[in-house]
C-alpha atoms as a PDB file:
ATOM      1  CA  UNK A   1      55.328 -48.817  99.152  1.00  0.00           C
ATOM      2  CA  UNK A   2      55.049 -51.675  96.665  1.00  0.00           C
ATOM      3  CA  UNK A   3      54.842 -49.258  93.734  1.00  0.00           C
ATOM      4  CA  UNK A   4      57.999 -47.643  95.023  1.00  0.00           C
ATOM      5  CA  UNK A   5      59.875 -50.941  95.009  1.00  0.00           C
ATOM      6  CA  UNK A   6      58.479 -51.765  91.586  1.00  0.00           C
ATOM      7  CA  UNK A   7      58.889 -48.428  89.804  1.00  0.00           C
ATOM      8  CA  UNK A   8      61.815 -46.602  91.431  1.00  0.00           C
ATOM      9  CA  UNK A   9      64.573 -48.659  89.798  1.00  0.00           C
ATOM     10  CA  UNK A  10      63.844 -49.953  86.307  1.00  0.00           C
ATOM     11  CA  UNK A  11      66.536 -52.632  86.645  1.00  0.00           C
ATOM     12  CA  UNK A  12      64.692 -54.271  89.549  1.00  0.00           C
ATOM     13  CA  UNK A  13      62.097 -56.891  88.786  1.00  0.00           C
ATOM     14  CA  UNK A  14      59.563 -57.650  91.528  1.00  0.00           C
ATOM     15  CA  UNK A  15      58.349 -61.165  90.803  1.00  0.00           C
ATOM     16  CA  UNK A  16      55.788 -61.431  93.570  1.00  0.00           C
ATOM     17  CA  UNK A  17      54.854 -60.367  97.066  1.00  0.00           C
ATOM     18  CA  UNK A  18      54.077 -62.083 100.375  1.00  0.00           C
ATOM     19  CA  UNK A  19      52.090 -60.175 103.001  1.00  0.00           C
ATOM     20  CA  UNK A  20      52.715 -60.873 106.677  1.00  0.00           C
ATOM     21  CA  UNK A  21      50.703 -60.215 109.839  1.00  0.00           C
ATOM     22  CA  UNK A  22      47.436 -60.724 107.946  1.00  0.00           C
ATOM     23  CA  UNK A  23      45.213 -62.006 110.748  1.00  0.00           C
ATOM     24  CA  UNK A  24      41.660 -61.930 109.410  1.00  0.00           C
ATOM     25  CA  UNK A  25      39.655 -62.782 106.325  1.00  0.00           C
ATOM     26  CA  UNK A  26      38.629 -59.132 106.054  1.00  0.00           C
ATOM     27  CA  UNK A  27      42.249 -57.972 106.054  1.00  0.00           C
ATOM     28  CA  UNK A  28      43.101 -60.477 103.331  1.00  0.00           C
ATOM     29  CA  UNK A  29      40.136 -59.419 101.143  1.00  0.00           C
ATOM     30  CA  UNK A  30      41.053 -55.761 101.585  1.00  0.00           C
ATOM     31  CA  UNK A  31      44.586 -56.375 100.296  1.00  0.00           C
ATOM     32  CA  UNK A  32      43.317 -58.450  97.374  1.00  0.00           C
ATOM     33  CA  UNK A  33      40.886 -55.654  96.447  1.00  0.00           C
ATOM     34  CA  UNK A  34      43.634 -53.007  96.501  1.00  0.00           C
ATOM     35  CA  UNK A  35      46.005 -55.117  94.393  1.00  0.00           C
ATOM     36  CA  UNK A  36      43.585 -56.533  91.836  1.00  0.00           C
ATOM     37  CA  UNK A  37      44.683 -53.988  89.199  1.00  0.00           C
ATOM     38  CA  UNK A  38      48.395 -54.106  90.010  1.00  0.00           C
ATOM     39  CA  UNK A  39      50.662 -56.233  87.863  1.00  0.00           C
ATOM     40  CA  UNK A  40      52.204 -58.043  90.845  1.00  0.00           C
ATOM     41  CA  UNK A  41      51.542 -61.646  91.790  1.00  0.00           C
ATOM     42  CA  UNK A  42      50.423 -62.241  95.363  1.00  0.00           C
ATOM     43  CA  UNK A  43      52.228 -65.330  96.665  1.00  0.00           C
ATOM     44  CA  UNK A  44      50.548 -65.651 100.029  1.00  0.00           C
ATOM     45  CA  UNK A  45      49.317 -64.161 103.309  1.00  0.00           C
ATOM     46  CA  UNK A  46      51.114 -65.009 106.538  1.00  0.00           C
ATOM     47  CA  UNK A  47      49.285 -64.635 109.861  1.00  0.00           C
ATOM     48  CA  UNK A  48      51.138 -63.670 113.036  1.00  0.00           C
ATOM     49  CA  UNK A  49      52.619 -66.684 114.803  1.00  0.00           C
ATOM     50  CA  UNK A  50      54.887 -66.621 117.858  1.00  0.00           C
ATOM     51  CA  UNK A  51      56.562 -69.860 116.749  1.00  0.00           C
ATOM     52  CA  UNK A  52      58.110 -68.177 113.713  1.00  0.00           C
ATOM     53  CA  UNK A  53      58.853 -64.810 115.333  1.00  0.00           C
ATOM     54  CA  UNK A  54      62.503 -63.737 115.234  1.00  0.00           C
ATOM     55  CA  UNK A  55      63.734 -61.804 118.265  1.00  0.00           C
ATOM     56  CA  UNK A  56      65.448 -58.432 117.880  1.00  0.00           C
ATOM     57  CA  UNK A  57      68.379 -56.648 119.514  1.00  0.00           C
ATOM     58  CA  UNK A  58      69.606 -53.062 119.209  1.00  0.00           C
ATOM     59  CA  UNK A  59      71.320 -53.692 115.856  1.00  0.00           C
ATOM     60  CA  UNK A  60      68.537 -55.796 114.347  1.00  0.00           C
ATOM     61  CA  UNK A  61      67.756 -59.486 114.556  1.00  0.00           C
ATOM     62  CA  UNK A  62      69.402 -61.527 117.293  1.00  0.00           C
ATOM     63  CA  UNK A  63      72.286 -63.508 115.846  1.00  0.00           C
ATOM     64  CA  UNK A  64      71.761 -67.245 115.388  1.00  0.00           C
ATOM     65  CA  UNK A  65      74.956 -67.634 117.446  1.00  0.00           C
ATOM     66  CA  UNK A  66      73.150 -66.121 120.444  1.00  0.00           C
ATOM     67  CA  UNK A  67      69.616 -67.334 119.859  1.00  0.00           C
ATOM     68  CA  UNK A  68      70.171 -70.750 121.404  1.00  0.00           C
ATOM     69  CA  UNK A  69      66.912 -72.109 119.992  1.00  0.00           C
ATOM     70  CA  UNK A  70      66.680 -74.757 117.314  1.00  0.00           C
ATOM     71  CA  UNK A  71      64.462 -73.810 114.375  1.00  0.00           C
ATOM     72  CA  UNK A  72      61.514 -76.184 113.996  1.00  0.00           C
ATOM     73  CA  UNK A  73      61.912 -76.803 110.273  1.00  0.00           C
ATOM     74  CA  UNK A  74      58.896 -79.118 110.108  1.00  0.00           C
ATOM     75  CA  UNK A  75      56.629 -76.452 111.599  1.00  0.00           C
ATOM     76  CA  UNK A  76      58.026 -73.810 109.251  1.00  0.00           C
ATOM     77  CA  UNK A  77      57.321 -76.110 106.307  1.00  0.00           C
ATOM     78  CA  UNK A  78      53.733 -76.819 107.329  1.00  0.00           C
ATOM     79  CA  UNK A  79      53.170 -73.100 108.052  1.00  0.00           C
ATOM     80  CA  UNK A  80      54.383 -72.253 104.538  1.00  0.00           C
ATOM     81  CA  UNK A  81      52.224 -74.923 102.900  1.00  0.00           C
ATOM     82  CA  UNK A  82      49.112 -73.602 104.668  1.00  0.00           C
ATOM     83  CA  UNK A  83      49.648 -69.955 103.834  1.00  0.00           C
ATOM     84  CA  UNK A  84      51.708 -69.630 100.648  1.00  0.00           C
ATOM     85  CA  UNK A  85      51.081 -70.376  96.981  1.00  0.00           C
ATOM     86  CA  UNK A  86      53.836 -72.955  96.838  1.00  0.00           C
ATOM     87  CA  UNK A  87      53.282 -73.754  93.140  1.00  0.00           C
ATOM     88  CA  UNK A  88      53.805 -70.126  92.075  1.00  0.00           C
ATOM     89  CA  UNK A  89      56.590 -69.597  94.592  1.00  0.00           C
ATOM     90  CA  UNK A  90      58.579 -72.575  93.305  1.00  0.00           C
ATOM     91  CA  UNK A  91      58.993 -70.868  89.921  1.00  0.00           C
ATOM     92  CA  UNK A  92      60.995 -68.109  91.579  1.00  0.00           C
ATOM     93  CA  UNK A  93      63.423 -70.446  93.342  1.00  0.00           C
ATOM     94  CA  UNK A  94      65.384 -70.988  90.128  1.00  0.00           C
ATOM     95  CA  UNK A  95      68.676 -69.047  90.075  1.00  0.00           C
ATOM     96  CA  UNK A  96      68.509 -65.935  87.876  1.00  0.00           C
ATOM     97  CA  UNK A  97      70.518 -65.888  84.661  1.00  0.00           C
ATOM     98  CA  UNK A  98      71.676 -62.308  85.092  1.00  0.00           C
ATOM     99  CA  UNK A  99      74.406 -61.578  87.620  1.00  0.00           C
ATOM    100  CA  UNK A 100      74.154 -58.370  89.628  1.00  0.00           C
ATOM    101  CA  UNK A 101      77.908 -57.875  89.755  1.00  0.00           C
ATOM    102  CA  UNK A 102      80.485 -58.364  87.042  1.00  0.00           C
ATOM    103  CA  UNK A 103      82.129 -61.756  87.278  1.00  0.00           C
ATOM    104  CA  UNK A 104      85.728 -61.832  88.391  1.00  0.00           C
ATOM    105  CA  UNK A 105      88.310 -64.289  87.204  1.00  0.00           C
ATOM    106  CA  UNK A 106      91.546 -65.552  88.671  1.00  0.00           C
ATOM    107  CA  UNK A 107      93.366 -63.991  85.716  1.00  0.00           C
ATOM    108  CA  UNK A 108      92.417 -60.516  86.968  1.00  0.00           C
ATOM    109  CA  UNK A 109      94.615 -60.948  90.038  1.00  0.00           C
ATOM    110  CA  UNK A 110      98.046 -62.272  90.884  1.00  0.00           C
ATOM    111  CA  UNK A 111      97.215 -64.748  93.618  1.00  0.00           C
ATOM    112  CA  UNK A 112      99.780 -66.441  95.812  1.00  0.00           C
ATOM    113  CA  UNK A 113      97.954 -69.421  97.315  1.00  0.00           C
ATOM    114  CA  UNK A 114     100.667 -69.774  99.937  1.00  0.00           C
ATOM    115  CA  UNK A 115      99.322 -66.566 101.517  1.00  0.00           C
ATOM    116  CA  UNK A 116      95.836 -67.324 102.869  1.00  0.00           C
ATOM    117  CA  UNK A 117      93.628 -64.797 104.618  1.00  0.00           C
ATOM    118  CA  UNK A 118      92.405 -65.479 108.159  1.00  0.00           C
ATOM    119  CA  UNK A 119      88.905 -64.230 109.038  1.00  0.00           C
ATOM    120  CA  UNK A 120      87.586 -63.742 112.570  1.00  0.00           C
ATOM    121  CA  UNK A 121      84.397 -65.833 112.666  1.00  0.00           C
ATOM    122  CA  UNK A 122      82.629 -66.704 115.910  1.00  0.00           C
ATOM    123  CA  UNK A 123      79.922 -65.536 118.344  1.00  0.00           C
ATOM    124  CA  UNK A 124      81.659 -62.164 118.617  1.00  0.00           C
ATOM    125  CA  UNK A 125      82.520 -61.308 115.015  1.00  0.00           C
ATOM    126  CA  UNK A 126      80.099 -62.181 112.229  1.00  0.00           C
ATOM    127  CA  UNK A 127      78.846 -58.878 110.767  1.00  0.00           C
ATOM    128  CA  UNK A 128      80.161 -59.413 107.262  1.00  0.00           C
ATOM    129  CA  UNK A 129      78.741 -59.422 103.755  1.00  0.00           C
ATOM    130  CA  UNK A 130      78.662 -63.111 102.697  1.00  0.00           C
ATOM    131  CA  UNK A 131      79.723 -61.996  99.216  1.00  0.00           C
ATOM    132  CA  UNK A 132      83.121 -60.975 100.592  1.00  0.00           C
ATOM    133  CA  UNK A 133      84.064 -64.578 101.329  1.00  0.00           C
ATOM    134  CA  UNK A 134      82.454 -65.768  98.095  1.00  0.00           C
ATOM    135  CA  UNK A 135      84.434 -63.206  96.112  1.00  0.00           C
ATOM    136  CA  UNK A 136      87.762 -64.057  97.749  1.00  0.00           C
ATOM    137  CA  UNK A 137      87.149 -67.783  97.277  1.00  0.00           C
ATOM    138  CA  UNK A 138      86.144 -67.299  93.641  1.00  0.00           C
ATOM    139  CA  UNK A 139      89.428 -65.623  92.749  1.00  0.00           C
ATOM    140  CA  UNK A 140      91.358 -68.408  94.465  1.00  0.00           C
ATOM    141  CA  UNK A 141      92.481 -67.006  97.827  1.00  0.00           C
ATOM    142  CA  UNK A 142      92.538 -69.640 100.611  1.00  0.00           C
ATOM    143  CA  UNK A 143      90.496 -68.587 103.666  1.00  0.00           C
ATOM    144  CA  UNK A 144      90.991 -69.715 107.270  1.00  0.00           C
ATOM    145  CA  UNK A 145      88.667 -69.154 110.232  1.00  0.00           C
ATOM    146  CA  UNK A 146      90.017 -67.623 113.439  1.00  0.00           C
ATOM    147  CA  UNK A 147      88.106 -67.403 116.739  1.00  0.00           C
ATOM    148  CA  UNK A 148      88.852 -64.906 119.495  1.00  0.00           C
ATOM    149  CA  UNK A 149      85.907 -66.316 121.417  1.00  0.00           C
ATOM    150  CA  UNK A 150      87.807 -69.629 121.687  1.00  0.00           C
ATOM    151  CA  UNK A 151      91.090 -67.805 122.438  1.00  0.00           C
ATOM    152  CA  UNK A 152      92.787 -69.165 119.315  1.00  0.00           C
ATOM    153  CA  UNK A 153      96.073 -67.951 117.898  1.00  0.00           C
ATOM    154  CA  UNK A 154      96.023 -66.552 114.367  1.00  0.00           C
ATOM    155  CA  UNK A 155      97.071 -69.434 112.066  1.00  0.00           C
ATOM    156  CA  UNK A 156     100.760 -69.251 111.215  1.00  0.00           C
ATOM    157  CA  UNK A 157     100.153 -69.636 107.492  1.00  0.00           C
ATOM    158  CA  UNK A 158      97.930 -66.517 107.315  1.00  0.00           C
ATOM    159  CA  UNK A 159      99.513 -63.453 105.716  1.00  0.00           C
ATOM    160  CA  UNK A 160      96.457 -61.211 106.135  1.00  0.00           C
ATOM    161  CA  UNK A 161      93.627 -60.893 108.636  1.00  0.00           C
ATOM    162  CA  UNK A 162      90.034 -59.685 108.314  1.00  0.00           C
ATOM    163  CA  UNK A 163      88.215 -58.713 111.519  1.00  0.00           C
ATOM    164  CA  UNK A 164      84.591 -57.932 110.585  1.00  0.00           C
ATOM    165  CA  UNK A 165      81.955 -56.199 112.676  1.00  0.00           C
ATOM    166  CA  UNK A 166      80.327 -57.841 115.663  1.00  0.00           C
ATOM    167  CA  UNK A 167      79.647 -57.388 119.368  1.00  0.00           C
ATOM    168  CA  UNK A 168      83.041 -56.906 121.079  1.00  0.00           C
ATOM    169  CA  UNK A 169      81.357 -54.699 123.714  1.00  0.00           C
ATOM    170  CA  UNK A 170      79.104 -57.602 124.719  1.00  0.00           C
ATOM    171  CA  UNK A 171      82.072 -59.959 125.076  1.00  0.00           C
ATOM    172  CA  UNK A 172      84.655 -57.372 126.175  1.00  0.00           C
ATOM    173  CA  UNK A 173      85.618 -59.210 129.366  1.00  0.00           C
ATOM    174  CA  UNK A 174      86.027 -62.496 127.518  1.00  0.00           C
ATOM    175  CA  UNK A 175      88.145 -60.826 124.819  1.00  0.00           C
ATOM    176  CA  UNK A 176      90.307 -59.198 127.477  1.00  0.00           C
ATOM    177  CA  UNK A 177      90.888 -62.635 129.015  1.00  0.00           C
ATOM    178  CA  UNK A 178      91.696 -64.204 125.636  1.00  0.00           C
ATOM    179  CA  UNK A 179      95.388 -63.504 126.112  1.00  0.00           C
ATOM    180  CA  UNK A 180      96.519 -66.056 123.558  1.00  0.00           C
ATOM    181  CA  UNK A 181      94.420 -64.387 120.860  1.00  0.00           C
ATOM    182  CA  UNK A 182      95.418 -60.833 121.794  1.00  0.00           C
ATOM    183  CA  UNK A 183      99.113 -61.683 121.964  1.00  0.00           C
ATOM    184  CA  UNK A 184      98.792 -63.395 118.604  1.00  0.00           C
ATOM    185  CA  UNK A 185      97.138 -60.273 117.191  1.00  0.00           C
ATOM    186  CA  UNK A 186      99.938 -58.013 118.479  1.00  0.00           C
ATOM    187  CA  UNK A 187     102.537 -60.340 117.001  1.00  0.00           C
ATOM    188  CA  UNK A 188     100.675 -60.525 113.682  1.00  0.00           C
ATOM    189  CA  UNK A 189     100.667 -56.730 113.489  1.00  0.00           C
ATOM    190  CA  UNK A 190     104.455 -56.729 112.939  1.00  0.00           C
ATOM    191  CA  UNK A 191     104.351 -58.542 109.604  1.00  0.00           C
ATOM    192  CA  UNK A 192     100.778 -59.245 108.479  1.00  0.00           C
ATOM    193  CA  UNK A 193      98.157 -57.005 106.883  1.00  0.00           C
ATOM    194  CA  UNK A 194      95.095 -56.290 109.079  1.00  0.00           C
ATOM    195  CA  UNK A 195      91.740 -55.153 107.711  1.00  0.00           C
ATOM    196  CA  UNK A 196      89.193 -54.312 110.451  1.00  0.00           C
ATOM    197  CA  UNK A 197      85.642 -53.009 110.205  1.00  0.00           C
ATOM    198  CA  UNK A 198      83.542 -51.463 112.996  1.00  0.00           C
ATOM    199  CA  UNK A 199      83.588 -53.898 115.948  1.00  0.00           C
ATOM    200  CA  UNK A 200      86.759 -55.380 114.493  1.00  0.00           C
ATOM    201  CA  UNK A 201      88.420 -51.990 114.804  1.00  0.00           C
ATOM    202  CA  UNK A 202      87.348 -51.693 118.459  1.00  0.00           C
ATOM    203  CA  UNK A 203      89.570 -54.588 119.588  1.00  0.00           C
ATOM    204  CA  UNK A 204      92.581 -52.935 117.954  1.00  0.00           C
ATOM    205  CA  UNK A 205      92.310 -50.085 120.460  1.00  0.00           C
ATOM    206  CA  UNK A 206      93.516 -49.893 124.065  1.00  0.00           C
ATOM    207  CA  UNK A 207      90.221 -50.323 125.894  1.00  0.00           C
ATOM    208  CA  UNK A 208      86.530 -50.974 125.574  1.00  0.00           C
ATOM    209  CA  UNK A 209      84.389 -49.333 128.221  1.00  0.00           C
ATOM    210  CA  UNK A 210      81.306 -51.520 128.557  1.00  0.00           C
ATOM    211  CA  UNK A 211      77.760 -50.367 129.339  1.00  0.00           C
ATOM    212  CA  UNK A 212      78.413 -50.857 133.063  1.00  0.00           C
ATOM    213  CA  UNK A 213      81.355 -48.456 132.995  1.00  0.00           C
ATOM    214  CA  UNK A 214      84.029 -51.159 133.287  1.00  0.00           C
ATOM    215  CA  UNK A 215      87.209 -50.870 131.221  1.00  0.00           C
ATOM    216  CA  UNK A 216      88.499 -53.966 129.439  1.00  0.00           C
ATOM    217  CA  UNK A 217      91.979 -54.157 127.939  1.00  0.00           C
ATOM    218  CA  UNK A 218      92.143 -54.892 124.222  1.00  0.00           C
ATOM    219  CA  UNK A 219      95.144 -55.383 121.927  1.00  0.00           C
ATOM    220  CA  UNK A 220      96.571 -51.857 122.272  1.00  0.00           C
ATOM    221  CA  UNK A 221      97.545 -51.693 118.594  1.00  0.00           C
ATOM    222  CA  UNK A 222      95.745 -48.372 118.017  1.00  0.00           C
ATOM    223  CA  UNK A 223      95.645 -45.387 120.422  1.00  0.00           C
ATOM    224  CA  UNK A 224      91.977 -45.087 121.336  1.00  0.00           C
ATOM    225  CA  UNK A 225      89.297 -46.137 123.790  1.00  0.00           C
ATOM    226  CA  UNK A 226      85.786 -47.259 122.729  1.00  0.00           C
ATOM    227  CA  UNK A 227      82.677 -46.256 124.641  1.00  0.00           C
ATOM    228  CA  UNK A 228      78.889 -46.245 124.201  1.00  0.00           C
ATOM    229  CA  UNK A 229      77.432 -43.390 122.156  1.00  0.00           C
ATOM    230  CA  UNK A 230      74.450 -42.535 119.991  1.00  0.00           C
ATOM    231  CA  UNK A 231      73.479 -44.512 116.916  1.00  0.00           C
ATOM    232  CA  UNK A 232      75.466 -43.917 113.704  1.00  0.00           C
ATOM    233  CA  UNK A 233      73.766 -45.593 110.773  1.00  0.00           C
ATOM    234  CA  UNK A 234      73.459 -45.145 107.020  1.00  0.00           C
ATOM    235  CA  UNK A 235      75.269 -45.185 103.722  1.00  0.00           C
ATOM    236  CA  UNK A 236      78.371 -42.998 103.477  1.00  0.00           C
ATOM    237  CA  UNK A 237      80.021 -41.077 100.655  1.00  0.00           C
ATOM    238  CA  UNK A 238      83.756 -41.770 100.893  1.00  0.00           C
ATOM    239  CA  UNK A 239      86.681 -39.927  99.305  1.00  0.00           C
ATOM    240  CA  UNK A 240      90.278 -41.114  99.552  1.00  0.00           C
ATOM    241  CA  UNK A 241      92.657 -38.651 101.223  1.00  0.00           C
ATOM    242  CA  UNK A 242      95.807 -40.354  99.915  1.00  0.00           C
ATOM    243  CA  UNK A 243      96.938 -43.627  98.388  1.00  0.00           C
ATOM    244  CA  UNK A 244      96.313 -46.391 100.905  1.00  0.00           C
ATOM    245  CA  UNK A 245      96.095 -50.192 100.785  1.00  0.00           C
ATOM    246  CA  UNK A 246      92.291 -49.924 100.315  1.00  0.00           C
ATOM    247  CA  UNK A 247      91.549 -46.623  98.550  1.00  0.00           C
ATOM    248  CA  UNK A 248      93.507 -44.243  96.341  1.00  0.00           C
ATOM    249  CA  UNK A 249      93.688 -40.466  96.657  1.00  0.00           C
ATOM    250  CA  UNK A 250      90.500 -38.718  95.410  1.00  0.00           C
ATOM    251  CA  UNK A 251      88.837 -42.070  94.677  1.00  0.00           C
ATOM    252  CA  UNK A 252      85.083 -41.994  95.411  1.00  0.00           C
ATOM    253  CA  UNK A 253      83.321 -45.049  96.837  1.00  0.00           C
ATOM    254  CA  UNK A 254      80.293 -45.901  98.989  1.00  0.00           C
ATOM    255  CA  UNK A 255      80.125 -47.763 102.291  1.00  0.00           C
ATOM    256  CA  UNK A 256      77.834 -48.338 105.257  1.00  0.00           C
ATOM    257  CA  UNK A 257      78.052 -47.417 108.940  1.00  0.00           C
ATOM    258  CA  UNK A 258      76.003 -49.016 111.749  1.00  0.00           C
ATOM    259  CA  UNK A 259      77.041 -48.835 115.423  1.00  0.00           C
ATOM    260  CA  UNK A 260      76.263 -47.366 118.842  1.00  0.00           C
ATOM    261  CA  UNK A 261      79.890 -46.798 119.844  1.00  0.00           C
ATOM    262  CA  UNK A 262      82.499 -44.082 119.465  1.00  0.00           C
ATOM    263  CA  UNK A 263      86.245 -43.834 119.952  1.00  0.00           C
ATOM    264  CA  UNK A 264      88.372 -41.353 121.874  1.00  0.00           C
ATOM    265  CA  UNK A 265      91.434 -40.734 119.710  1.00  0.00           C
ATOM    266  CA  UNK A 266      94.930 -40.467 121.174  1.00  0.00           C
ATOM    267  CA  UNK A 267      93.685 -41.936 124.433  1.00  0.00           C
ATOM    268  CA  UNK A 268      96.531 -43.176 126.628  1.00  0.00           C
ATOM    269  CA  UNK A 269      95.620 -46.368 128.430  1.00  0.00           C
ATOM    270  CA  UNK A 270      95.788 -46.652 132.204  1.00  0.00           C
ATOM    271  CA  UNK A 271      97.116 -50.150 131.596  1.00  0.00           C
ATOM    272  CA  UNK A 272     100.810 -50.899 131.129  1.00  0.00           C
ATOM    273  CA  UNK A 273     100.673 -51.456 127.348  1.00  0.00           C
ATOM    274  CA  UNK A 274     103.631 -51.125 125.045  1.00  0.00           C
ATOM    275  CA  UNK A 275     103.246 -48.052 122.844  1.00  0.00           C
ATOM    276  CA  UNK A 276     105.697 -49.066 120.131  1.00  0.00           C
ATOM    277  CA  UNK A 277     102.921 -49.311 117.535  1.00  0.00           C
ATOM    278  CA  UNK A 278     101.872 -45.729 118.230  1.00  0.00           C
ATOM    279  CA  UNK A 279     105.180 -44.571 116.806  1.00  0.00           C
ATOM    280  CA  UNK A 280     104.071 -45.741 113.389  1.00  0.00           C
ATOM    281  CA  UNK A 281     102.760 -43.033 111.093  1.00  0.00           C
ATOM    282  CA  UNK A 282      99.004 -43.568 111.340  1.00  0.00           C
ATOM    283  CA  UNK A 283      96.516 -41.323 109.567  1.00  0.00           C
ATOM    284  CA  UNK A 284      92.981 -41.388 108.150  1.00  0.00           C
ATOM    285  CA  UNK A 285      92.598 -43.209 104.825  1.00  0.00           C
ATOM    286  CA  UNK A 286      89.533 -41.215 103.780  1.00  0.00           C
ATOM    287  CA  UNK A 287      86.938 -38.624 104.623  1.00  0.00           C
ATOM    288  CA  UNK A 288      83.275 -39.584 104.881  1.00  0.00           C
ATOM    289  CA  UNK A 289      79.898 -37.856 104.840  1.00  0.00           C
ATOM    290  CA  UNK A 290      76.232 -38.755 104.825  1.00  0.00           C
ATOM    291  CA  UNK A 291      73.293 -36.906 103.314  1.00  0.00           C
ATOM    292  CA  UNK A 292      73.435 -33.177 104.118  1.00  0.00           C
ATOM    293  CA  UNK A 293      76.469 -33.443 106.402  1.00  0.00           C
ATOM    294  CA  UNK A 294      80.032 -32.199 105.992  1.00  0.00           C
ATOM    295  CA  UNK A 295      83.005 -34.438 105.264  1.00  0.00           C
ATOM    296  CA  UNK A 296      85.080 -35.586 108.237  1.00  0.00           C
ATOM    297  CA  UNK A 297      88.267 -37.636 108.403  1.00  0.00           C
ATOM    298  CA  UNK A 298      87.733 -41.180 109.652  1.00  0.00           C
ATOM    299  CA  UNK A 299      89.632 -44.393 110.308  1.00  0.00           C
ATOM    300  CA  UNK A 300      93.284 -45.419 110.633  1.00  0.00           C
ATOM    301  CA  UNK A 301      95.782 -46.767 108.135  1.00  0.00           C
ATOM    302  CA  UNK A 302      99.406 -47.417 107.408  1.00  0.00           C
ATOM    303  CA  UNK A 303     101.076 -49.746 104.910  1.00  0.00           C
ATOM    304  CA  UNK A 304      99.926 -52.857 106.788  1.00  0.00           C
ATOM    305  CA  UNK A 305      96.684 -51.817 108.457  1.00  0.00           C
ATOM    306  CA  UNK A 306      93.240 -50.460 107.604  1.00  0.00           C
ATOM    307  CA  UNK A 307      90.704 -49.909 110.407  1.00  0.00           C
ATOM    308  CA  UNK A 308      87.426 -48.016 110.134  1.00  0.00           C
ATOM    309  CA  UNK A 309      83.766 -47.861 111.196  1.00  0.00           C
ATOM    310  CA  UNK A 310      82.847 -48.348 107.531  1.00  0.00           C
ATOM    311  CA  UNK A 311      81.636 -51.652 106.089  1.00  0.00           C
ATOM    312  CA  UNK A 312      82.632 -52.175 102.435  1.00  0.00           C
ATOM    313  CA  UNK A 313      81.127 -54.537  99.888  1.00  0.00           C
ATOM    314  CA  UNK A 314      84.123 -55.682  97.855  1.00  0.00           C
ATOM    315  CA  UNK A 315      82.378 -57.268  94.828  1.00  0.00           C
ATOM    316  CA  UNK A 316      80.499 -54.038  94.027  1.00  0.00           C
ATOM    317  CA  UNK A 317      83.685 -51.981  93.681  1.00  0.00           C
ATOM    318  CA  UNK A 318      86.218 -53.607  91.388  1.00  0.00           C
ATOM    319  CA  UNK A 319      88.880 -50.961  92.072  1.00  0.00           C
ATOM    320  CA  UNK A 320      88.592 -51.313  95.852  1.00  0.00           C
ATOM    321  CA  UNK A 321      88.644 -55.088  95.437  1.00  0.00           C
ATOM    322  CA  UNK A 322      91.885 -54.847  93.466  1.00  0.00           C
ATOM    323  CA  UNK A 323      93.401 -52.547  96.093  1.00  0.00           C
ATOM    324  CA  UNK A 324      92.408 -55.016  98.804  1.00  0.00           C
ATOM    325  CA  UNK A 325      93.883 -58.007  96.941  1.00  0.00           C
ATOM    326  CA  UNK A 326      97.096 -56.122  96.263  1.00  0.00           C
ATOM    327  CA  UNK A 327      97.370 -55.272  99.963  1.00  0.00           C
ATOM    328  CA  UNK A 328      97.053 -58.920 100.926  1.00  0.00           C
ATOM    329  CA  UNK A 329      99.288 -60.257  98.176  1.00  0.00           C
ATOM    330  CA  UNK A 330     101.968 -57.756  97.179  1.00  0.00           C
ATOM    331  CA  UNK A 331     103.101 -56.333 100.526  1.00  0.00           C
ATOM    332  CA  UNK A 332     104.213 -59.705 101.758  1.00  0.00           C
ATOM    333  CA  UNK A 333     106.421 -60.524  98.793  1.00  0.00           C
ATOM    334  CA  UNK A 334     108.918 -58.129 100.422  1.00  0.00           C
ATOM    335  CA  UNK A 335     108.939 -60.317 103.530  1.00  0.00           C
ATOM    336  CA  UNK A 336     109.252 -63.608 101.692  1.00  0.00           C
END
């Protein structure tokens, strides 16, 4: 496994390795014997310890928003000092000189600082690449936090909205009762640009059917119902079907999918929701496939909306980043 990490990609540089769950002197000596002729520095051996164990949920580690336990920093520090080569490790804490992604500059984009982007950020929605916010901040776009969990209205000054992935199914009843937030979202749909990924897309539909079989009303912006399904996970090959706010026709990009939910398209809600938004011309922005599967159309878009199961990493695709910035900046000059 270590040779694979070291040798598979020549641009990667493995500086050192820490072994965990090493619970005996014999185990430690065995590892040292195996690695004595490998050109990799061993930085320490960590034994199992319940006090530093991180709990897991069905999508990975339990979010710090839900954990509810304070991290004992002092114990972590003493644990590290006892088991790691802190002198060698400290050399690797210096920031690397080489950047993984090409730097962006404000000059590359026409930024209107009077048009900030609101981002849903709370216990419900927090599945987002940190680099997305860093990238948007670096090119000068003001960012504002918005919380559905706290039933907040979308800030008036926001011209665009990002709803990242999260756990809307876990908080479906609370979202349904957050009438101020949902009404604000429906109102925002008329003039603002909405970009929604995965769980963010689910609240744009009519309903979420939770694991107990209960239906919870969502915003009703898109004509579908979300319900539990099998796991969909992995990187996706993506090809643009037409020019959209995020991708252009025939453009090829990569993204990631990770969820246990599915949507029923063209589902008509049993609730008395206004269907005016359904009259808009919605279609799929792209087709997607994974390894050894066929392409299928996925997602929803129009001139002021992009919603999909796919998570994108903006800084790694300059063209998609430019499309995204244009969608949040140019569309609204017509409304100003």
